[in-house]
Amino acid sequence: MSLSDIIIRKIRQDGVISFRDFMDMALYYPGLGYYTSEREKIGKKGDYYTSPNLTPAFGEMMGVQLEEMWRILGEKEFTVVEMGAGTGLMSMDVLGYLKGKPELSRDLDYCILEKSPA
């Protein structure tokens, strides 16, 4: 059964669905949603590129910004949450930059949230 058929069936069974529920199914339905299907999404064979896919410079710039924020906060512990981290490429670039900053690395709690199985 196609994802379109599944969505249509749900609407016929339950009536109107919210835009949020529609998008959740379209993007994350197990095995059929955009982000849960097997096909490549990012890069040459995918539909789009993200800055971290092109160069580690974006993640490194984020690391520089985090260092500045840490200093403004008085070099205290803080948490960063990266929403929709995908493959984790940006977080690897950020954390790679921060390896050279042991005090900041100690104080930073870097968390990623990703709904897809990426």
N, C-alpha and C. Protein backbone atom coordinates (compact mmCIF):
# COMPACT_ATOMS: atom_id res chain seq x y z
N MET A 1 0.85 -1.18 0.00
CA MET A 1 0.00 0.00 0.00
C MET A 1 0.90 1.24 0.00
N SER A 2 0.55 2.22 -0.79
CA SER A 2 1.35 3.45 -0.87
C SER A 2 1.03 4.36 0.32
N LEU A 3 1.91 5.30 0.57
CA LEU A 3 1.67 6.26 1.65
C LEU A 3 0.42 7.08 1.37
N SER A 4 0.20 7.45 0.13
CA SER A 4 -1.03 8.19 -0.23
C SER A 4 -2.26 7.39 0.15
N ASP A 5 -2.25 6.09 -0.15
CA ASP A 5 -3.38 5.23 0.20
C ASP A 5 -3.58 5.17 1.71
N ILE A 6 -2.49 5.10 2.45
CA ILE A 6 -2.57 5.03 3.91
C ILE A 6 -3.17 6.32 4.47
N ILE A 7 -2.73 7.45 3.95
CA ILE A 7 -3.26 8.74 4.42
C ILE A 7 -4.75 8.87 4.07
N ILE A 8 -5.12 8.49 2.85
CA ILE A 8 -6.52 8.55 2.43
C ILE A 8 -7.37 7.64 3.32
N ARG A 9 -6.87 6.43 3.59
CA ARG A 9 -7.60 5.50 4.45
C ARG A 9 -7.82 6.09 5.84
N LYS A 10 -6.78 6.72 6.39
CA LYS A 10 -6.89 7.33 7.72
C LYS A 10 -7.95 8.43 7.73
N ILE A 11 -7.97 9.25 6.68
CA ILE A 11 -8.96 10.33 6.60
C ILE A 11 -10.37 9.75 6.47
N ARG A 12 -10.51 8.70 5.69
CA ARG A 12 -11.84 8.07 5.53
C ARG A 12 -12.31 7.45 6.85
N GLN A 13 -11.37 6.87 7.61
CA GLN A 13 -11.73 6.23 8.88
C GLN A 13 -11.99 7.25 9.98
N ASP A 14 -11.09 8.24 10.09
CA ASP A 14 -11.13 9.15 11.24
C ASP A 14 -11.69 10.53 10.93
N GLY A 15 -11.90 10.83 9.67
CA GLY A 15 -12.33 12.17 9.30
C GLY A 15 -11.13 13.09 9.12
N VAL A 16 -11.39 14.36 9.21
CA VAL A 16 -10.36 15.37 8.99
C VAL A 16 -9.16 15.12 9.90
N ILE A 17 -7.96 15.26 9.33
CA ILE A 17 -6.75 15.19 10.14
C ILE A 17 -6.07 16.56 10.11
N SER A 18 -5.31 16.83 11.16
CA SER A 18 -4.63 18.12 11.23
C SER A 18 -3.46 18.16 10.24
N PHE A 19 -3.04 19.37 9.91
CA PHE A 19 -1.87 19.53 9.05
C PHE A 19 -0.66 18.89 9.72
N ARG A 20 -0.54 19.04 11.03
CA ARG A 20 0.57 18.44 11.78
C ARG A 20 0.58 16.92 11.59
N ASP A 21 -0.56 16.27 11.73
CA ASP A 21 -0.62 14.81 11.57
C ASP A 21 -0.32 14.40 10.13
N PHE A 22 -0.84 15.18 9.17
CA PHE A 22 -0.55 14.89 7.77
C PHE A 22 0.96 14.96 7.51
N MET A 23 1.59 16.04 7.96
CA MET A 23 3.04 16.21 7.73
C MET A 23 3.83 15.13 8.47
N ASP A 24 3.39 14.77 9.66
CA ASP A 24 4.08 13.71 10.40
C ASP A 24 4.05 12.40 9.61
N MET A 25 2.91 12.08 9.04
CA MET A 25 2.81 10.86 8.23
C MET A 25 3.65 10.99 6.96
N ALA A 26 3.54 12.13 6.28
CA ALA A 26 4.27 12.33 5.02
C ALA A 26 5.78 12.26 5.23
N LEU A 27 6.24 12.74 6.35
CA LEU A 27 7.69 12.78 6.57
C LEU A 27 8.23 11.56 7.31
N TYR A 28 7.43 11.00 8.25
CA TYR A 28 8.00 9.99 9.16
C TYR A 28 7.25 8.67 9.22
N TYR A 29 6.27 8.44 8.36
CA TYR A 29 5.57 7.16 8.40
C TYR A 29 6.60 6.04 8.20
N PRO A 30 6.60 5.03 9.07
CA PRO A 30 7.65 3.99 9.02
C PRO A 30 7.83 3.37 7.63
N GLY A 31 9.03 3.54 7.10
CA GLY A 31 9.41 2.94 5.83
C GLY A 31 8.91 3.65 4.58
N LEU A 32 7.92 4.52 4.72
CA LEU A 32 7.33 5.18 3.55
C LEU A 32 7.44 6.70 3.58
N GLY A 33 7.63 7.27 4.75
CA GLY A 33 7.74 8.72 4.85
C GLY A 33 9.03 9.22 4.21
N TYR A 34 9.05 10.52 3.92
CA TYR A 34 10.21 11.09 3.24
C TYR A 34 11.51 10.77 3.98
N TYR A 35 11.52 11.00 5.29
CA TYR A 35 12.76 10.80 6.04
C TYR A 35 12.96 9.37 6.54
N THR A 36 11.96 8.52 6.42
CA THR A 36 12.11 7.14 6.89
C THR A 36 12.27 6.14 5.75
N SER A 37 12.18 6.62 4.52
CA SER A 37 12.38 5.72 3.39
C SER A 37 13.87 5.48 3.18
N GLU A 38 14.19 4.50 2.39
CA GLU A 38 15.58 4.12 2.16
C GLU A 38 16.34 5.04 1.22
N ARG A 39 15.64 5.78 0.41
CA ARG A 39 16.32 6.58 -0.61
C ARG A 39 17.14 7.71 0.01
N GLU A 40 18.19 8.11 -0.72
CA GLU A 40 19.06 9.19 -0.26
C GLU A 40 18.32 10.51 -0.37
N LYS A 41 18.45 11.35 0.64
CA LYS A 41 17.75 12.62 0.65
C LYS A 41 18.68 13.82 0.49
N ILE A 42 19.88 13.70 1.05
CA ILE A 42 20.82 14.82 1.07
C ILE A 42 22.04 14.48 0.23
N GLY A 43 22.52 15.45 -0.54
CA GLY A 43 23.73 15.25 -1.33
C GLY A 43 23.44 15.08 -2.81
N LYS A 44 24.45 14.64 -3.55
CA LYS A 44 24.34 14.53 -5.01
C LYS A 44 23.16 13.69 -5.46
N LYS A 45 22.89 12.60 -4.77
CA LYS A 45 21.80 11.71 -5.17
C LYS A 45 20.49 12.06 -4.49
N GLY A 46 20.51 13.06 -3.63
CA GLY A 46 19.31 13.44 -2.90
C GLY A 46 18.61 14.64 -3.50
N ASP A 47 17.73 15.23 -2.72
CA ASP A 47 16.93 16.36 -3.17
C ASP A 47 17.55 17.71 -2.82
N TYR A 48 18.44 17.73 -1.85
CA TYR A 48 18.98 19.01 -1.41
C TYR A 48 20.33 18.82 -0.71
N TYR A 49 20.99 19.93 -0.48
CA TYR A 49 22.23 19.96 0.30
C TYR A 49 21.98 20.81 1.54
N THR A 50 22.73 20.53 2.59
CA THR A 50 22.76 21.43 3.73
C THR A 50 24.18 21.96 3.83
N SER A 51 24.35 23.07 4.51
CA SER A 51 25.68 23.67 4.62
C SER A 51 26.73 22.68 5.13
N PRO A 52 26.44 21.88 6.17
CA PRO A 52 27.45 20.93 6.63
C PRO A 52 27.84 19.88 5.58
N ASN A 53 26.97 19.61 4.62
CA ASN A 53 27.31 18.66 3.56
C ASN A 53 28.33 19.23 2.58
N LEU A 54 28.42 20.54 2.54
CA LEU A 54 29.33 21.18 1.60
C LEU A 54 30.70 21.44 2.19
N THR A 55 30.74 21.80 3.48
CA THR A 55 32.01 22.15 4.12
C THR A 55 31.88 22.07 5.63
N PRO A 56 32.94 21.72 6.35
CA PRO A 56 32.89 21.74 7.81
C PRO A 56 32.89 23.16 8.38
N ALA A 57 33.08 24.17 7.53
CA ALA A 57 33.18 25.55 7.99
C ALA A 57 31.93 26.01 8.75
N PHE A 58 30.75 25.54 8.34
CA PHE A 58 29.52 25.96 9.02
C PHE A 58 29.53 25.49 10.47
N GLY A 59 29.86 24.23 10.70
CA GLY A 59 29.94 23.71 12.07
C GLY A 59 31.02 24.39 12.87
N GLU A 60 32.14 24.69 12.23
CA GLU A 60 33.22 25.38 12.92
C GLU A 60 32.78 26.79 13.31
N MET A 61 32.04 27.47 12.43
CA MET A 61 31.52 28.81 12.77
C MET A 61 30.54 28.72 13.94
N MET A 62 29.75 27.67 13.97
CA MET A 62 28.85 27.47 15.10
C MET A 62 29.66 27.27 16.38
N GLY A 63 30.76 26.54 16.28
CA GLY A 63 31.65 26.35 17.43
C GLY A 63 32.21 27.67 17.93
N VAL A 64 32.61 28.54 17.00
CA VAL A 64 33.11 29.87 17.38
C VAL A 64 32.00 30.65 18.09
N GLN A 65 30.78 30.58 17.57
CA GLN A 65 29.65 31.28 18.20
C GLN A 65 29.36 30.72 19.58
N LEU A 66 29.43 29.40 19.75
CA LEU A 66 29.20 28.80 21.06
C LEU A 66 30.27 29.24 22.05
N GLU A 67 31.50 29.35 21.57
CA GLU A 67 32.59 29.82 22.43
C GLU A 67 32.32 31.25 22.89
N GLU A 68 31.86 32.10 21.98
CA GLU A 68 31.54 33.48 22.35
C GLU A 68 30.41 33.52 23.37
N MET A 69 29.38 32.72 23.16
CA MET A 69 28.25 32.67 24.10
C MET A 69 28.71 32.18 25.46
N TRP A 70 29.56 31.18 25.48
CA TRP A 70 30.09 30.62 26.73
C TRP A 70 30.83 31.71 27.51
N ARG A 71 31.63 32.49 26.82
CA ARG A 71 32.37 33.58 27.49
C ARG A 71 31.40 34.63 28.04
N ILE A 72 30.39 35.01 27.25
CA ILE A 72 29.39 35.98 27.69
C ILE A 72 28.66 35.47 28.92
N LEU A 73 28.42 34.17 28.99
CA LEU A 73 27.73 33.56 30.14
C LEU A 73 28.63 33.41 31.36
N GLY A 74 29.87 33.85 31.24
CA GLY A 74 30.79 33.75 32.37
C GLY A 74 31.48 32.40 32.46
N GLU A 75 31.62 31.74 31.31
CA GLU A 75 32.29 30.44 31.22
C GLU A 75 31.67 29.41 32.17
N LYS A 76 30.35 29.37 32.16
CA LYS A 76 29.59 28.42 32.98
C LYS A 76 29.03 27.32 32.08
N GLU A 77 28.61 26.24 32.72
CA GLU A 77 28.01 25.13 31.98
C GLU A 77 26.74 25.59 31.26
N PHE A 78 26.55 25.08 30.05
CA PHE A 78 25.31 25.35 29.33
C PHE A 78 25.02 24.23 28.35
N THR A 79 23.77 24.19 27.93
CA THR A 79 23.29 23.13 27.04
C THR A 79 22.91 23.71 25.69
N VAL A 80 23.28 23.00 24.64
CA VAL A 80 22.88 23.33 23.28
C VAL A 80 22.05 22.16 22.77
N VAL A 81 20.91 22.45 22.18
CA VAL A 81 20.06 21.41 21.60
C VAL A 81 19.96 21.67 20.10
N GLU A 82 20.46 20.73 19.32
CA GLU A 82 20.35 20.82 17.86
C GLU A 82 19.13 20.01 17.44
N MET A 83 18.13 20.71 16.93
CA MET A 83 16.88 20.07 16.52
C MET A 83 16.99 19.64 15.06
N GLY A 84 16.60 18.41 14.77
CA GLY A 84 16.64 17.93 13.38
C GLY A 84 18.06 17.76 12.89
N ALA A 85 18.84 17.03 13.65
CA ALA A 85 20.28 16.90 13.37
C ALA A 85 20.59 16.02 12.16
N GLY A 86 19.60 15.34 11.64
CA GLY A 86 19.85 14.50 10.45
C GLY A 86 20.92 13.46 10.70
N THR A 87 21.95 13.48 9.89
CA THR A 87 23.03 12.49 10.02
C THR A 87 24.02 12.84 11.12
N GLY A 88 23.87 14.01 11.72
CA GLY A 88 24.78 14.43 12.79
C GLY A 88 26.05 15.09 12.29
N LEU A 89 26.09 15.39 11.00
CA LEU A 89 27.30 15.95 10.41
C LEU A 89 27.67 17.30 11.03
N MET A 90 26.70 18.18 11.23
CA MET A 90 27.02 19.47 11.82
C MET A 90 27.53 19.31 13.24
N SER A 91 26.91 18.44 14.01
CA SER A 91 27.37 18.24 15.39
C SER A 91 28.79 17.70 15.41
N MET A 92 29.13 16.85 14.47
CA MET A 92 30.51 16.34 14.41
C MET A 92 31.49 17.48 14.11
N ASP A 93 31.09 18.40 13.22
CA ASP A 93 31.95 19.54 12.91
C ASP A 93 32.08 20.49 14.09
N VAL A 94 30.97 20.75 14.78
CA VAL A 94 31.01 21.62 15.96
C VAL A 94 31.90 21.00 17.02
N LEU A 95 31.66 19.73 17.32
CA LEU A 95 32.43 19.07 18.37
C LEU A 95 33.89 18.89 17.97
N GLY A 96 34.15 18.72 16.67
CA GLY A 96 35.53 18.67 16.19
C GLY A 96 36.25 19.97 16.48
N TYR A 97 35.58 21.09 16.25
CA TYR A 97 36.17 22.39 16.56
C TYR A 97 36.43 22.52 18.06
N LEU A 98 35.47 22.06 18.85
CA LEU A 98 35.56 22.23 20.30
C LEU A 98 36.60 21.32 20.95
N LYS A 99 37.07 20.30 20.24
CA LYS A 99 38.12 19.44 20.80
C LYS A 99 39.34 20.25 21.22
N GLY A 100 39.60 21.32 20.48
CA GLY A 100 40.74 22.18 20.80
C GLY A 100 40.44 23.16 21.92
N LYS A 101 39.27 23.08 22.52
CA LYS A 101 38.83 23.98 23.59
C LYS A 101 38.38 23.14 24.78
N PRO A 102 39.32 22.53 25.53
CA PRO A 102 38.93 21.57 26.57
C PRO A 102 38.04 22.15 27.67
N GLU A 103 38.25 23.40 28.06
CA GLU A 103 37.41 23.98 29.11
C GLU A 103 35.98 24.14 28.63
N LEU A 104 35.83 24.64 27.42
CA LEU A 104 34.50 24.79 26.84
C LEU A 104 33.85 23.43 26.63
N SER A 105 34.60 22.47 26.13
CA SER A 105 34.07 21.12 25.92
C SER A 105 33.55 20.53 27.23
N ARG A 106 34.24 20.81 28.31
CA ARG A 106 33.83 20.31 29.63
C ARG A 106 32.50 20.92 30.05
N ASP A 107 32.31 22.21 29.75
CA ASP A 107 31.12 22.93 30.21
C ASP A 107 29.91 22.81 29.28
N LEU A 108 30.12 22.31 28.09
CA LEU A 108 29.05 22.26 27.10
C LEU A 108 28.38 20.89 27.09
N ASP A 109 27.07 20.91 27.19
CA ASP A 109 26.27 19.69 27.04
C ASP A 109 25.57 19.82 25.68
N TYR A 110 26.07 19.11 24.67
CA TYR A 110 25.56 19.23 23.30
C TYR A 110 24.62 18.06 23.04
N CYS A 111 23.37 18.37 22.81
CA CYS A 111 22.35 17.33 22.59
C CYS A 111 21.77 17.47 21.19
N ILE A 112 21.46 16.35 20.58
CA ILE A 112 20.78 16.40 19.29
C ILE A 112 19.44 15.68 19.42
N LEU A 113 18.47 16.21 18.70
CA LEU A 113 17.15 15.59 18.61
C LEU A 113 16.89 15.31 17.14
N GLU A 114 16.57 14.08 16.85
CA GLU A 114 16.29 13.69 15.46
C GLU A 114 15.21 12.64 15.48
N LYS A 115 14.13 12.89 14.79
CA LYS A 115 13.00 11.96 14.75
C LYS A 115 13.22 10.84 13.74
N SER A 116 13.93 11.14 12.67
CA SER A 116 14.14 10.12 11.64
C SER A 116 15.21 9.12 12.09
N PRO A 117 15.27 7.96 11.46
CA PRO A 117 16.28 6.96 11.84
C PRO A 117 17.68 7.28 11.31
N ALA A 118 17.88 8.49 10.77
CA ALA A 118 19.18 8.89 10.23
C ALA A 118 20.23 8.66 11.27
